[in-house]
Amino acid sequence: MPKTITSPLQKKLATMLVELRKKAGLRQIDLAEKLGVYQSWVTHLESGQRRVDVVELIELGRIIGFDPADVVRKLNKR
């Protein structure tokens, strides 16, 4: 099993989060401000340099406007 930070699943999640953010009309800086973090945190998240835990996924869903369960279902499809 590959380390999760470099796994294909992690990369797929990062790509999905970028698409969802853009679809919501948010820039990285906008998302960072809503989350109360630095833009670099969002950059690392979206580039796959940092993992997303379940609580963060729920918070991202609340702010961006997606259902975290739907994201997980899509990730689970191969």
C-alpha atoms as a PDB file:
ATOM      1  CA  MET A   1       0.000   0.000   0.000  1.00  0.00           C
ATOM      2  CA  PRO A   2       1.527   3.338  -1.035  1.00  0.00           C
ATOM      3  CA  LYS A   3       1.779   6.198   1.417  1.00  0.00           C
ATOM      4  CA  THR A   4      -1.508   8.063   1.300  1.00  0.00           C
ATOM      5  CA  ILE A   5       0.017  11.427   0.462  1.00  0.00           C
ATOM      6  CA  THR A   6       1.363  10.084  -2.845  1.00  0.00           C
ATOM      7  CA  SER A   7      -1.407   7.620  -3.623  1.00  0.00           C
ATOM      8  CA  PRO A   8      -3.511   7.885  -6.781  1.00  0.00           C
ATOM      9  CA  LEU A   9      -6.576   8.232  -4.554  1.00  0.00           C
ATOM     10  CA  GLN A  10      -5.093  11.265  -2.787  1.00  0.00           C
ATOM     11  CA  LYS A  11      -4.255  12.844  -6.146  1.00  0.00           C
ATOM     12  CA  LYS A  12      -7.809  12.195  -7.352  1.00  0.00           C
ATOM     13  CA  LEU A  13      -9.210  13.829  -4.203  1.00  0.00           C
ATOM     14  CA  ALA A  14      -6.986  16.882  -4.659  1.00  0.00           C
ATOM     15  CA  THR A  15      -8.140  17.230  -8.273  1.00  0.00           C
ATOM     16  CA  MET A  16     -11.778  16.920  -7.245  1.00  0.00           C
ATOM     17  CA  LEU A  17     -11.378  19.594  -4.568  1.00  0.00           C
ATOM     18  CA  VAL A  18      -9.841  22.018  -7.058  1.00  0.00           C
ATOM     19  CA  GLU A  19     -12.714  21.429  -9.479  1.00  0.00           C
ATOM     20  CA  LEU A  20     -15.321  21.888  -6.745  1.00  0.00           C
ATOM     21  CA  ARG A  21     -13.692  25.101  -5.511  1.00  0.00           C
ATOM     22  CA  LYS A  22     -13.542  26.559  -9.004  1.00  0.00           C
ATOM     23  CA  LYS A  23     -17.123  25.488  -9.733  1.00  0.00           C
ATOM     24  CA  ALA A  24     -18.158  27.395  -6.599  1.00  0.00           C
ATOM     25  CA  GLY A  25     -16.444  30.500  -7.994  1.00  0.00           C
ATOM     26  CA  LEU A  26     -13.868  30.649  -5.221  1.00  0.00           C
ATOM     27  CA  ARG A  27     -10.194  31.489  -5.557  1.00  0.00           C
ATOM     28  CA  GLN A  28      -7.661  29.851  -3.268  1.00  0.00           C
ATOM     29  CA  ILE A  29      -7.400  33.055  -1.249  1.00  0.00           C
ATOM     30  CA  ASP A  30     -11.185  33.172  -0.840  1.00  0.00           C
ATOM     31  CA  LEU A  31     -11.270  29.615   0.457  1.00  0.00           C
ATOM     32  CA  ALA A  32      -8.330  30.260   2.762  1.00  0.00           C
ATOM     33  CA  GLU A  33     -10.077  33.280   4.276  1.00  0.00           C
ATOM     34  CA  LYS A  34     -13.279  31.308   4.852  1.00  0.00           C
ATOM     35  CA  LEU A  35     -11.286  28.495   6.487  1.00  0.00           C
ATOM     36  CA  GLY A  36      -9.140  30.862   8.548  1.00  0.00           C
ATOM     37  CA  VAL A  37      -5.898  29.499   7.106  1.00  0.00           C
ATOM     38  CA  TYR A  38      -3.100  30.784   4.882  1.00  0.00           C
ATOM     39  CA  GLN A  39      -3.412  30.469   1.111  1.00  0.00           C
ATOM     40  CA  SER A  40      -0.353  28.198   1.192  1.00  0.00           C
ATOM     41  CA  TRP A  41      -2.415  25.690   3.218  1.00  0.00           C
ATOM     42  CA  VAL A  42      -4.953  25.540   0.379  1.00  0.00           C
ATOM     43  CA  THR A  43      -2.149  25.322  -2.188  1.00  0.00           C
ATOM     44  CA  HIS A  44      -0.592  22.358  -0.367  1.00  0.00           C
ATOM     45  CA  LEU A  45      -3.977  20.686  -0.056  1.00  0.00           C
ATOM     46  CA  GLU A  46      -4.820  21.105  -3.734  1.00  0.00           C
ATOM     47  CA  SER A  47      -1.388  20.062  -4.956  1.00  0.00           C
ATOM     48  CA  GLY A  48      -1.553  16.861  -2.943  1.00  0.00           C
ATOM     49  CA  GLN A  49       1.254  17.873  -0.595  1.00  0.00           C
ATOM     50  CA  ARG A  50      -0.995  17.475   2.419  1.00  0.00           C
ATOM     51  CA  ARG A  51      -3.683  14.966   3.260  1.00  0.00           C
ATOM     52  CA  VAL A  52      -7.265  15.867   3.974  1.00  0.00           C
ATOM     53  CA  ASP A  53      -8.746  14.406   7.127  1.00  0.00           C
ATOM     54  CA  VAL A  54     -12.446  13.689   7.459  1.00  0.00           C
ATOM     55  CA  VAL A  55     -13.160  16.776   9.581  1.00  0.00           C
ATOM     56  CA  GLU A  56     -11.436  18.993   7.008  1.00  0.00           C
ATOM     57  CA  LEU A  57     -13.412  17.353   4.209  1.00  0.00           C
ATOM     58  CA  ILE A  58     -16.651  18.096   6.046  1.00  0.00           C
ATOM     59  CA  GLU A  59     -15.619  21.728   6.595  1.00  0.00           C
ATOM     60  CA  LEU A  60     -14.542  22.092   2.961  1.00  0.00           C
ATOM     61  CA  GLY A  61     -17.914  20.717   1.898  1.00  0.00           C
ATOM     62  CA  ARG A  62     -19.752  23.181   4.081  1.00  0.00           C
ATOM     63  CA  ILE A  63     -17.815  26.158   2.729  1.00  0.00           C
ATOM     64  CA  ILE A  64     -17.543  25.142  -0.921  1.00  0.00           C
ATOM     65  CA  GLY A  65     -21.020  23.632  -1.077  1.00  0.00           C
ATOM     66  CA  PHE A  66     -20.624  19.916  -1.705  1.00  0.00           C
ATOM     67  CA  ASP A  67     -21.644  16.754   0.115  1.00  0.00           C
ATOM     68  CA  PRO A  68     -18.506  15.071   1.509  1.00  0.00           C
ATOM     69  CA  ALA A  69     -20.247  11.674   1.290  1.00  0.00           C
ATOM     70  CA  ASP A  70     -20.688  12.163  -2.468  1.00  0.00           C
ATOM     71  CA  VAL A  71     -16.979  12.931  -2.813  1.00  0.00           C
ATOM     72  CA  VAL A  72     -16.076   9.769  -0.900  1.00  0.00           C
ATOM     73  CA  ARG A  73     -18.455   7.701  -3.054  1.00  0.00           C
ATOM     74  CA  LYS A  74     -16.862   9.066  -6.220  1.00  0.00           C
ATOM     75  CA  LEU A  75     -13.379   8.333  -4.850  1.00  0.00           C
ATOM     76  CA  ASN A  76     -14.423   4.775  -4.050  1.00  0.00           C
ATOM     77  CA  LYS A  77     -15.446   4.101  -7.653  1.00  0.00           C
ATOM     78  CA  ARG A  78     -12.576   2.662  -9.610  1.00  0.00           C
END
